[in-house]
Amino acid sequence: MALWDWLEGLGVRILGWFGLSATTARQLIRFFVVGGFAAIAYVAVMAAVVDGFGGRVLLGAFLAFVLATFVSFVGNALWSFGARLTPAKAAMFFAVNTVGLCLNMLIAWLLERAGVHYLLISLTVLIIVPLFNFAGHRLITFARPG
């Protein structure tokens, strides 16, 4: 725990240099950590369905998305934003993530049409979409009244 506290404190100080408040920086750091766990859950479910049970990739992708979104919602609600788990927040979380998916597709489509290499498209999406999702969840899904 002491190592995590030190690393988080370092991250908060570094993000503070870019003008983020300590609260926002801490939420952003935790948001990305939860995202890492959601990604691990996604890959684990995909592997279990496809390699473990011989299921189809499409079924694996669907189930993996559902579980990863659940992990992300619970982790971000409780740890990143200190919010209660409610059906309304879950619906808003899914809505923000769906808009993020649309943004992902729009960026990829536009950059592909412009002739950008797919790895640069991936990098662009991996920077913009998570930041969009963070802002959406901070300002809408888990916004504090007042």
Protein backbone atom coordinates (compact mmCIF):
# COMPACT_ATOMS: atom_id res chain seq x y z
CA MET A 1 0.00 0.00 0.00
CA ALA A 2 2.84 2.39 0.78
CA LEU A 3 4.31 1.90 -2.69
CA TRP A 4 0.94 2.63 -4.31
CA ASP A 5 0.47 5.73 -2.17
CA TRP A 6 3.93 6.96 -3.17
CA LEU A 7 3.34 6.27 -6.89
CA GLU A 8 -0.09 7.90 -6.83
CA GLY A 9 1.32 10.92 -4.99
CA LEU A 10 4.09 11.22 -7.59
CA GLY A 11 1.53 11.02 -10.39
CA VAL A 12 -0.63 13.66 -8.71
CA ARG A 13 2.38 16.00 -8.43
CA ILE A 14 3.37 15.45 -12.08
CA LEU A 15 -0.17 16.00 -13.35
CA GLY A 16 -0.32 19.09 -11.13
CA TRP A 17 2.42 20.60 -13.31
CA PHE A 18 -0.14 20.46 -16.14
CA GLY A 19 -2.71 22.34 -14.09
CA LEU A 20 -4.80 19.42 -12.82
CA SER A 21 -6.10 19.63 -9.28
CA ALA A 22 -5.06 16.88 -6.89
CA THR A 23 -8.58 15.43 -6.96
CA THR A 24 -8.78 15.35 -10.76
CA ALA A 25 -5.25 13.93 -11.05
CA ARG A 26 -6.02 11.18 -8.53
CA GLN A 27 -9.25 10.32 -10.35
CA LEU A 28 -7.45 10.23 -13.71
CA ILE A 29 -4.70 7.95 -12.39
CA ARG A 30 -7.21 5.59 -10.84
CA PHE A 31 -9.36 5.69 -13.99
CA PHE A 32 -6.41 4.40 -16.04
CA VAL A 33 -5.53 1.74 -13.45
CA VAL A 34 -9.12 0.48 -13.49
CA GLY A 35 -8.97 0.53 -17.28
CA GLY A 36 -5.95 -1.75 -17.11
CA PHE A 37 -7.87 -4.24 -14.97
CA ALA A 38 -10.85 -4.02 -17.33
CA ALA A 39 -8.52 -4.78 -20.25
CA ILE A 40 -7.14 -7.82 -18.39
CA ALA A 41 -10.71 -9.00 -17.73
CA TYR A 42 -11.54 -8.54 -21.42
CA VAL A 43 -8.59 -10.62 -22.60
CA ALA A 44 -9.22 -13.30 -19.95
CA VAL A 45 -12.86 -13.74 -20.95
CA MET A 46 -12.00 -13.75 -24.65
CA ALA A 47 -9.35 -16.42 -24.07
CA ALA A 48 -11.68 -18.49 -21.88
CA VAL A 49 -14.51 -18.43 -24.41
CA VAL A 50 -12.42 -19.00 -27.53
CA ASP A 51 -9.53 -21.17 -26.30
CA GLY A 52 -11.08 -22.67 -23.18
CA PHE A 53 -14.56 -23.49 -24.42
CA GLY A 54 -14.02 -23.48 -28.19
CA GLY A 55 -16.57 -20.69 -28.61
CA ARG A 56 -16.78 -18.19 -31.43
CA VAL A 57 -14.76 -14.97 -31.39
CA LEU A 58 -17.91 -12.85 -31.72
CA LEU A 59 -19.44 -14.45 -28.61
CA GLY A 60 -16.15 -14.01 -26.77
CA ALA A 61 -15.92 -10.36 -27.77
CA PHE A 62 -19.50 -9.70 -26.63
CA LEU A 63 -19.09 -11.41 -23.26
CA ALA A 64 -15.66 -9.84 -22.77
CA PHE A 65 -17.06 -6.37 -23.48
CA VAL A 66 -19.91 -6.87 -21.02
CA LEU A 67 -17.61 -8.07 -18.22
CA ALA A 68 -14.93 -5.45 -18.90
CA THR A 69 -17.57 -2.70 -18.86
CA PHE A 70 -18.92 -4.06 -15.56
CA VAL A 71 -15.40 -4.15 -14.06
CA SER A 72 -14.79 -0.62 -15.31
CA PHE A 73 -18.08 0.68 -13.94
CA VAL A 74 -17.67 -0.87 -10.49
CA GLY A 75 -13.99 0.05 -10.19
CA ASN A 76 -14.45 3.61 -11.35
CA ALA A 77 -17.60 4.23 -9.34
CA LEU A 78 -16.15 2.94 -6.08
CA TRP A 79 -12.44 3.72 -6.36
CA SER A 80 -11.87 6.47 -8.94
CA PHE A 81 -14.89 8.65 -8.20
CA GLY A 82 -16.12 7.47 -4.78
CA ALA A 83 -19.71 7.13 -6.04
CA ARG A 84 -22.54 4.77 -5.21
CA LEU A 85 -23.48 2.02 -7.64
CA THR A 86 -26.93 2.78 -9.00
CA PRO A 87 -28.81 1.65 -12.11
CA ALA A 88 -28.96 5.26 -13.32
CA LYS A 89 -25.18 5.62 -13.05
CA ALA A 90 -24.71 2.27 -14.81
CA ALA A 91 -26.93 3.42 -17.68
CA MET A 92 -25.08 6.72 -17.95
CA PHE A 93 -21.73 4.91 -17.81
CA PHE A 94 -22.79 2.70 -20.71
CA ALA A 95 -24.08 5.73 -22.64
CA VAL A 96 -20.80 7.63 -22.24
CA ASN A 97 -18.82 4.54 -23.27
CA THR A 98 -21.07 4.12 -26.32
CA VAL A 99 -20.39 7.71 -27.37
CA GLY A 100 -16.69 6.94 -26.84
CA LEU A 101 -17.05 3.97 -29.18
CA CYS A 102 -18.64 6.23 -31.82
CA LEU A 103 -15.80 8.73 -31.38
CA ASN A 104 -13.33 5.87 -31.77
CA MET A 105 -14.94 4.84 -35.05
CA LEU A 106 -15.14 8.43 -36.34
CA ILE A 107 -11.46 9.11 -35.63
CA ALA A 108 -10.42 5.82 -37.23
CA TRP A 109 -12.57 6.47 -40.31
CA LEU A 110 -11.37 10.06 -40.77
CA LEU A 111 -7.71 9.23 -40.31
CA GLU A 112 -7.92 6.19 -42.56
CA ARG A 113 -9.48 8.32 -45.32
CA ALA A 114 -6.60 10.78 -44.83
CA GLY A 115 -4.12 7.97 -45.45
CA VAL A 116 -2.76 7.73 -41.90
CA HIS A 117 -1.05 4.45 -40.94
CA TYR A 118 -3.20 2.19 -38.76
CA LEU A 119 -0.68 2.22 -35.88
CA LEU A 120 -0.82 6.01 -35.71
CA ILE A 121 -4.61 5.78 -35.86
CA SER A 122 -4.49 3.34 -32.93
CA LEU A 123 -2.23 5.63 -30.94
CA THR A 124 -4.52 8.59 -31.61
CA VAL A 125 -7.59 6.64 -30.53
CA LEU A 126 -5.84 5.30 -27.43
CA ILE A 127 -5.06 8.85 -26.32
CA ILE A 128 -8.26 10.68 -27.23
CA VAL A 129 -11.03 8.18 -26.43
CA PRO A 130 -9.99 7.32 -22.84
CA LEU A 131 -9.57 11.03 -22.07
CA PHE A 132 -13.02 11.68 -23.57
CA ASN A 133 -14.49 8.84 -21.48
CA PHE A 134 -12.79 10.14 -18.34
CA ALA A 135 -14.19 13.63 -18.91
CA GLY A 136 -17.65 12.24 -19.64
CA HIS A 137 -17.69 10.10 -16.53
CA ARG A 138 -16.28 12.86 -14.34
CA LEU A 139 -18.64 15.55 -15.64
CA ILE A 140 -21.78 13.45 -16.26
CA THR A 141 -21.82 9.90 -14.89
CA PHE A 142 -20.22 10.60 -11.52
CA ALA A 143 -20.71 14.37 -11.28
CA ARG A 144 -21.20 15.64 -7.78
CA PRO A 145 -24.20 17.92 -7.24
CA GLY A 146 -23.35 21.57 -6.85
